[in-house]
Amino acid sequence: MNTERWSVDKYVDDLESYPQIAQAADLLKNNEVVAFPTETVYGLGGNAENSEAVAKIFAAKGRPSDNPLIIHIAEEHQLNDFAKDISDQARLLIKEFWPGPLTLIFKKKEEKLSDQATAGLSTVAVRMPDHPVALAILKKSGLPIAAPSANRSGKPSPTTAEHVWEDLNGKIAGIVDGGQTGVGVESTVLDCTEEIPVILRPGAVTKEQIEAVIGEVSVDAALLDAGQAPKSPGMKYRHYAPDAPLYLVNGSREFIQELVDKKKEEGLTVGVLTTVENEAFYQADYVVPCGQRENLETVASYLYEALRKFNNTNADIIYSEMFPNEGVGVAVMNRLMKAAGHRVI
């Protein structure tokens, strides 16, 4: 398959009139799949009402069929087409955080969406992205768009169009290049079908921010204990992993360097994932920073890019520093834990 690639300036007024946006929207209306930027990561979009289009998403990604997709919309009224029993709490969150990196789970109306998009569940996950290019494509298509991250399943999510090209060139109809994404990790997922809403995946919208709007929310037990079965089907899979085995290290930089030295003595090529503050400290074959420790938003923004950089090396093993489990750091540690397969030294 020939994969088209278009560049779009996200700062241009009236993006919907851009021919590149129209081309991408036409492909979506013809049940092809197209990658486009959101404020979190690049998404791989397809018509959520059409099973053929949804099947193309799963095929391109190599995604397990029991892993439901998030439905992206541009207008709040679209919710009424396929979601029901929308609570007052959910309406407050929509008012506060949409458009933005918060996905809400509702009970599903059966007649509208492809059953494959929701993996046969009685619920549907929905968000409104906060990115002008994404919103322009969604509005121009007029469709609810199913859109997981635009990468091969299990690999680090893409934060640039080049990452998408590396993974999916020849497998999808098009890529809309809107530059690097901002947040860098996927949206927070909140189940609003429970009396007390439950966070199923941490993201840039934190538990504290949500509770400031609606009061108490809980956290899925699987996020706190890897031995627990996750409530969200997709969370049971390994994600975000670089090619070389990744280990998180709960210890000082000196301890990490000892681990590096030992592996180098064994003849292995070693990488270290760190921050700009500690980059110069490590003596490893590859040292890759992913932002500033004093600003965890930058760590989130550059995390996947840093993990992908190791794939362009011949590293045999990667050690990663750990980060404070607070604010957006909760999302960072969730992604690193999954990338490492919960391997902690």
Protein backbone atom coordinates (compact mmCIF):
# COMPACT_ATOMS: atom_id res chain seq x y z
CA MET A 1 0.00 0.00 0.00
CA ASN A 2 1.20 3.52 -0.81
CA THR A 3 1.13 5.70 2.29
CA GLU A 4 0.45 9.37 1.57
CA ARG A 5 2.12 11.95 3.80
CA TRP A 6 0.99 15.54 4.22
CA SER A 7 2.46 18.38 6.28
CA VAL A 8 0.07 20.77 7.96
CA ASP A 9 0.84 23.92 9.95
CA LYS A 10 -1.31 23.62 13.06
CA TYR A 11 -1.27 27.39 13.52
CA VAL A 12 -3.06 28.16 10.25
CA ASP A 13 -6.56 29.62 10.56
CA ASP A 14 -9.44 27.63 9.09
CA LEU A 15 -7.59 24.34 8.90
CA GLU A 16 -10.72 22.58 7.65
CA SER A 17 -10.33 24.34 4.30
CA TYR A 18 -6.80 22.95 3.83
CA PRO A 19 -6.67 20.42 0.96
CA GLN A 20 -4.54 18.07 3.09
CA ILE A 21 -7.23 17.99 5.76
CA ALA A 22 -9.90 17.34 3.14
CA GLN A 23 -7.84 14.48 1.65
CA ALA A 24 -7.38 12.87 5.05
CA ALA A 25 -11.08 13.26 5.86
CA ASP A 26 -12.08 11.77 2.50
CA LEU A 27 -9.93 8.73 3.17
CA LEU A 28 -11.62 8.28 6.54
CA LYS A 29 -15.05 8.60 4.92
CA ASN A 30 -13.98 5.92 2.44
CA ASN A 31 -13.12 3.62 5.36
CA GLU A 32 -9.34 3.92 5.05
CA VAL A 33 -7.11 4.57 8.06
CA VAL A 34 -5.06 7.73 8.58
CA ALA A 35 -2.59 8.79 11.26
CA PHE A 36 -2.82 12.30 12.68
CA PRO A 37 -1.42 14.25 15.63
CA THR A 38 -3.24 14.80 18.89
CA GLU A 39 -1.98 16.66 21.94
CA THR A 40 -0.91 13.34 23.51
CA VAL A 41 0.54 11.07 20.78
CA TYR A 42 -0.20 10.42 17.12
CA GLY A 43 -3.42 8.48 16.63
CA LEU A 44 -4.33 5.96 13.95
CA GLY A 45 -7.86 6.88 12.93
CA GLY A 46 -10.62 4.95 11.22
CA ASN A 47 -14.38 5.24 10.89
CA ALA A 48 -15.72 3.86 14.18
CA GLU A 49 -19.06 3.06 12.53
CA ASN A 50 -17.54 0.73 9.95
CA SER A 51 -16.13 -2.70 10.82
CA GLU A 52 -13.95 -2.80 7.70
CA ALA A 53 -12.22 0.42 8.72
CA VAL A 54 -11.79 -0.74 12.32
CA ALA A 55 -10.33 -4.05 11.13
CA LYS A 56 -7.70 -2.09 9.17
CA ILE A 57 -6.62 -0.36 12.39
CA PHE A 58 -6.13 -3.67 14.18
CA ALA A 59 -4.30 -5.16 11.20
CA ALA A 60 -1.91 -2.22 10.73
CA LYS A 61 -0.99 -2.16 14.41
CA GLY A 62 -0.98 -5.91 15.00
CA ARG A 63 -3.29 -5.12 17.90
CA PRO A 64 -5.11 -7.86 19.86
CA SER A 65 -8.82 -7.86 18.96
CA ASP A 66 -9.94 -7.78 22.61
CA ASN A 67 -8.26 -4.41 23.15
CA PRO A 68 -10.98 -1.75 22.63
CA LEU A 69 -10.36 1.54 20.85
CA ILE A 70 -10.97 5.08 22.06
CA ILE A 71 -13.53 6.99 20.01
CA HIS A 72 -12.53 10.56 19.13
CA ILE A 73 -15.11 13.28 18.54
CA ALA A 74 -15.03 16.98 17.73
CA GLU A 75 -18.40 18.04 19.15
CA GLU A 76 -19.97 17.12 22.49
CA HIS A 77 -23.37 16.44 20.92
CA GLN A 78 -21.86 13.45 19.09
CA LEU A 79 -21.81 11.62 22.41
CA ASN A 80 -25.57 11.28 22.25
CA ASP A 81 -25.26 9.08 19.15
CA PHE A 82 -23.52 6.20 20.88
CA ALA A 83 -23.23 6.83 24.65
CA LYS A 84 -25.99 6.68 27.25
CA ASP A 85 -26.53 7.34 30.95
CA ILE A 86 -24.08 10.25 30.91
CA SER A 87 -23.83 11.35 34.53
CA ASP A 88 -23.73 14.87 35.92
CA GLN A 89 -20.18 14.10 37.07
CA ALA A 90 -19.17 13.25 33.52
CA ARG A 91 -20.73 16.47 32.22
CA LEU A 92 -18.68 18.45 34.73
CA LEU A 93 -15.50 16.72 33.59
CA ILE A 94 -16.35 17.35 29.95
CA LYS A 95 -16.85 21.04 30.70
CA GLU A 96 -13.55 21.24 32.57
CA PHE A 97 -11.23 19.01 30.51
CA TRP A 98 -12.56 18.71 26.95
CA PRO A 99 -10.96 19.19 24.57
CA GLY A 100 -8.04 17.59 26.36
CA PRO A 101 -6.23 14.42 27.42
CA LEU A 102 -9.09 12.82 29.36
CA THR A 103 -10.96 9.75 28.06
CA LEU A 104 -14.30 8.95 29.66
CA ILE A 105 -16.00 5.56 29.61
CA PHE A 106 -19.78 5.38 29.24
CA LYS A 107 -22.40 2.72 28.71
CA LYS A 108 -22.84 2.14 24.99
CA LYS A 109 -25.82 2.43 22.69
CA GLU A 110 -25.70 -0.73 20.60
CA GLU A 111 -26.87 0.46 17.20
CA LYS A 112 -24.26 3.04 16.16
CA LEU A 113 -20.63 1.90 16.45
CA SER A 114 -18.87 -1.11 15.02
CA ASP A 115 -18.81 -3.82 17.66
CA GLN A 116 -15.13 -4.36 16.83
CA ALA A 117 -14.29 -0.81 17.89
CA THR A 118 -15.45 -1.53 21.43
CA ALA A 119 -14.16 -5.14 21.42
CA GLY A 120 -17.69 -6.38 22.08
CA LEU A 121 -17.95 -4.55 25.41
CA SER A 122 -21.12 -2.86 26.66
CA THR A 123 -19.13 0.32 27.24
CA VAL A 124 -17.43 2.88 25.03
CA ALA A 125 -14.39 5.09 25.69
CA VAL A 126 -14.57 8.62 24.26
CA ARG A 127 -12.44 11.73 24.18
CA MET A 128 -12.17 15.07 22.39
CA PRO A 129 -8.54 15.79 21.47
CA ASP A 130 -7.04 19.21 22.11
CA HIS A 131 -5.15 19.59 18.84
CA PRO A 132 -6.22 21.84 15.96
CA VAL A 133 -5.22 19.33 13.25
CA ALA A 134 -7.05 16.45 14.92
CA LEU A 135 -10.16 18.55 15.48
CA ALA A 136 -10.11 19.81 11.88
CA ILE A 137 -9.94 16.25 10.53
CA LEU A 138 -12.69 15.06 12.87
CA LYS A 139 -14.96 17.95 11.92
CA LYS A 140 -14.30 17.59 8.21
CA SER A 141 -15.03 13.87 8.27
CA GLY A 142 -18.18 14.29 10.36
CA LEU A 143 -17.50 10.87 11.86
CA PRO A 144 -16.70 9.40 15.24
CA ILE A 145 -13.13 8.20 14.73
CA ALA A 146 -11.64 5.19 16.51
CA ALA A 147 -7.99 6.03 17.10
CA PRO A 148 -5.42 4.15 19.16
CA SER A 149 -1.78 5.24 19.08
CA ALA A 150 -0.29 5.06 15.57
CA ASN A 151 2.47 2.51 16.23
CA ARG A 152 2.99 -1.21 15.99
CA SER A 153 1.36 -2.78 19.04
CA GLY A 154 3.68 -3.09 22.03
CA LYS A 155 6.23 -0.54 20.82
CA PRO A 156 6.75 3.02 22.09
CA SER A 157 3.94 5.31 21.02
CA PRO A 158 4.71 7.91 18.32
CA THR A 159 5.12 11.57 19.14
CA THR A 160 6.24 12.63 15.64
CA ALA A 161 5.08 11.77 12.13
CA GLU A 162 8.49 10.22 11.52
CA HIS A 163 7.83 7.68 14.28
CA VAL A 164 4.57 6.75 12.54
CA TRP A 165 6.37 6.45 9.20
CA GLU A 166 8.96 4.11 10.74
CA ASP A 167 6.24 1.81 12.07
CA LEU A 168 3.40 1.99 9.57
CA ASN A 169 4.66 3.11 6.17
CA GLY A 170 3.03 0.84 3.60
CA LYS A 171 0.41 -0.36 6.09
CA ILE A 172 -1.94 2.66 6.19
CA ALA A 173 -3.41 5.11 3.70
CA GLY A 174 -1.96 8.34 5.04
CA ILE A 175 -0.09 10.31 7.69
CA VAL A 176 -0.86 13.93 8.53
CA ASP A 177 2.32 15.56 9.86
CA GLY A 178 1.41 18.27 12.36
CA GLY A 179 4.76 18.36 14.14
CA GLN A 180 5.71 16.94 17.52
CA THR A 181 2.96 16.30 20.02
CA GLY A 182 2.97 18.08 23.37
CA VAL A 183 1.83 15.93 26.30
CA GLY A 184 3.72 12.86 25.09
CA VAL A 185 1.78 10.16 26.97
CA GLU A 186 -1.70 8.88 26.24
CA SER A 187 -4.83 10.31 27.85
CA THR A 188 -6.06 9.54 31.33
CA VAL A 189 -8.88 6.96 31.14
CA LEU A 190 -11.71 7.29 33.66
CA ASP A 191 -14.59 4.82 33.95
CA CYS A 192 -17.72 6.87 34.55
CA THR A 193 -20.09 3.88 34.68
CA GLU A 194 -19.32 3.29 38.38
CA GLU A 195 -20.87 5.22 41.26
CA ILE A 196 -17.34 6.26 42.20
CA PRO A 197 -15.46 6.78 38.90
CA VAL A 198 -12.33 4.66 38.44
CA ILE A 199 -9.04 5.65 36.82
CA LEU A 200 -8.05 2.80 34.50
CA ARG A 201 -5.02 4.51 32.96
CA PRO A 202 -3.11 7.52 34.36
CA GLY A 203 -2.28 10.40 32.07
CA ALA A 204 -1.73 14.14 32.02
CA VAL A 205 -5.03 14.84 33.79
CA THR A 206 -4.20 13.71 37.31
CA LYS A 207 -6.32 12.12 40.01
CA GLU A 208 -6.02 15.31 42.04
CA GLN A 209 -7.29 17.45 39.16
CA ILE A 210 -10.27 15.16 38.59
CA GLU A 211 -11.15 15.07 42.29
CA ALA A 212 -11.02 18.87 42.42
CA VAL A 213 -13.96 18.84 39.98
CA ILE A 214 -16.14 15.88 41.04
CA GLY A 215 -14.86 14.68 44.39
CA GLU A 216 -13.67 11.16 45.16
CA VAL A 217 -12.40 8.86 42.42
CA SER A 218 -10.72 5.49 42.84
CA VAL A 219 -7.82 3.87 41.03
CA ASP A 220 -7.94 0.45 39.38
CA ALA A 221 -6.21 -2.02 41.70
CA ALA A 222 -4.06 -3.29 38.81
CA LEU A 223 -2.33 0.11 38.62
CA LEU A 224 -1.18 -0.34 42.20
CA ASP A 225 -0.48 -4.08 42.11
CA ALA A 226 0.83 -5.76 38.95
CA GLY A 227 -0.55 -9.07 40.20
CA GLN A 228 -4.13 -7.81 39.94
CA ALA A 229 -6.15 -8.34 36.77
CA PRO A 230 -6.75 -4.93 35.13
CA LYS A 231 -10.31 -3.76 34.62
CA SER A 232 -9.45 -2.40 31.16
CA PRO A 233 -8.67 -5.23 28.70
CA GLY A 234 -5.94 -3.27 26.96
CA MET A 235 -3.98 -2.71 30.17
CA LYS A 236 -3.09 -6.39 30.46
CA TYR A 237 -0.74 -6.18 27.47
CA ARG A 238 2.90 -5.11 27.44
CA HIS A 239 3.27 -1.71 25.83
CA TYR A 240 5.85 0.92 24.97
CA ALA A 241 8.82 -1.47 25.01
CA PRO A 242 12.08 -0.74 23.20
CA ASP A 243 13.80 -3.58 21.36
CA ALA A 244 16.36 -4.25 24.10
CA PRO A 245 15.23 -5.43 27.55
CA LEU A 246 14.54 -2.52 29.88
CA TYR A 247 15.04 -2.58 33.64
CA LEU A 248 13.95 0.10 36.10
CA VAL A 249 16.42 0.76 38.89
CA ASN A 250 15.26 1.87 42.32
CA GLY A 251 18.54 3.27 43.52
CA SER A 252 21.11 6.03 43.23
CA ARG A 253 22.99 7.04 40.08
CA GLU A 254 26.06 5.42 41.59
CA PHE A 255 24.18 2.13 41.93
CA ILE A 256 23.00 2.36 38.33
CA GLN A 257 26.57 3.00 37.18
CA GLU A 258 27.71 -0.12 39.09
CA LEU A 259 25.14 -2.15 37.15
CA VAL A 260 26.36 -0.61 33.91
CA ASP A 261 29.98 -1.38 34.69
CA LYS A 262 29.17 -5.00 35.53
CA LYS A 263 27.35 -5.56 32.24
CA LYS A 264 30.09 -3.86 30.25
CA GLU A 265 32.62 -6.18 31.89
CA GLU A 266 30.47 -9.06 30.63
CA GLY A 267 30.85 -7.69 27.11
CA LEU A 268 27.34 -6.26 26.78
CA THR A 269 26.44 -2.93 25.22
CA VAL A 270 24.54 -0.89 27.81
CA GLY A 271 22.13 2.03 27.62
CA VAL A 272 20.86 4.33 30.35
CA LEU A 273 17.61 6.30 30.30
CA THR A 274 18.05 9.39 32.45
CA THR A 275 17.32 13.12 32.59
CA VAL A 276 19.28 16.15 31.45
CA GLU A 277 20.44 16.74 35.03
CA ASN A 278 22.19 13.36 35.17
CA GLU A 279 23.15 12.84 31.53
CA ALA A 280 26.82 13.74 32.01
CA PHE A 281 27.22 11.47 35.05
CA TYR A 282 26.81 8.09 33.38
CA GLN A 283 29.57 6.20 31.62
CA ALA A 284 27.52 3.89 29.40
CA ASP A 285 27.56 3.07 25.70
CA TYR A 286 24.36 5.05 25.17
CA VAL A 287 22.95 7.67 27.52
CA VAL A 288 19.59 9.12 26.50
CA PRO A 289 17.84 11.91 28.45
CA CYS A 290 14.06 12.23 28.43
CA GLY A 291 13.46 15.65 29.91
CA GLN A 292 14.18 17.39 33.20
CA ARG A 293 13.66 15.67 36.53
CA GLU A 294 12.55 18.97 38.02
CA ASN A 295 9.80 19.21 35.38
CA LEU A 296 8.04 15.86 34.98
CA GLU A 297 5.90 17.25 32.14
CA THR A 298 9.05 17.34 30.01
CA VAL A 299 9.82 13.73 30.96
CA ALA A 300 6.36 12.69 29.81
CA SER A 301 6.72 14.69 26.60
CA TYR A 302 10.04 13.08 25.58
CA LEU A 303 9.68 9.61 27.12
CA TYR A 304 8.62 7.71 24.00
CA GLU A 305 11.09 9.51 21.79
CA ALA A 306 13.86 8.53 24.20
CA LEU A 307 12.76 4.89 24.25
CA ARG A 308 12.68 4.88 20.44
CA LYS A 309 16.22 6.27 20.27
CA PHE A 310 17.52 3.06 21.83
CA ASN A 311 16.08 1.15 18.86
CA ASN A 312 18.61 2.94 16.66
CA THR A 313 21.47 1.56 18.75
CA ASN A 314 22.90 -1.90 19.33
CA ALA A 315 22.18 -1.80 23.07
CA ASP A 316 21.86 -5.23 24.67
CA ILE A 317 20.29 -3.96 27.87
CA ILE A 318 18.83 -0.65 29.11
CA TYR A 319 18.67 0.66 32.66
CA SER A 320 16.26 3.45 33.55
CA GLU A 321 16.06 5.80 36.46
CA MET A 322 12.73 5.94 38.29
CA PHE A 323 10.62 9.05 38.81
CA PRO A 324 8.41 10.48 41.55
CA ASN A 325 5.03 8.75 41.54
CA GLU A 326 3.04 11.96 41.75
CA GLY A 327 1.25 14.25 39.32
CA VAL A 328 2.10 13.36 35.72
CA GLY A 329 4.89 11.21 37.18
CA VAL A 330 2.22 8.58 37.87
CA ALA A 331 1.66 8.31 34.10
CA VAL A 332 5.41 8.26 33.41
CA MET A 333 6.00 5.42 35.87
CA ASN A 334 2.99 3.50 34.55
CA ARG A 335 4.43 3.60 31.03
CA LEU A 336 7.94 2.71 32.17
CA MET A 337 6.69 -0.20 34.26
CA LYS A 338 4.82 -1.61 31.28
CA ALA A 339 7.78 -1.01 28.96
CA ALA A 340 9.99 -2.90 31.41
CA GLY A 341 7.50 -5.72 31.95
CA HIS A 342 7.53 -4.68 35.65
CA ARG A 343 11.22 -5.59 35.96
CA VAL A 344 12.67 -3.52 38.83
CA ILE A 345 16.13 -3.79 40.33
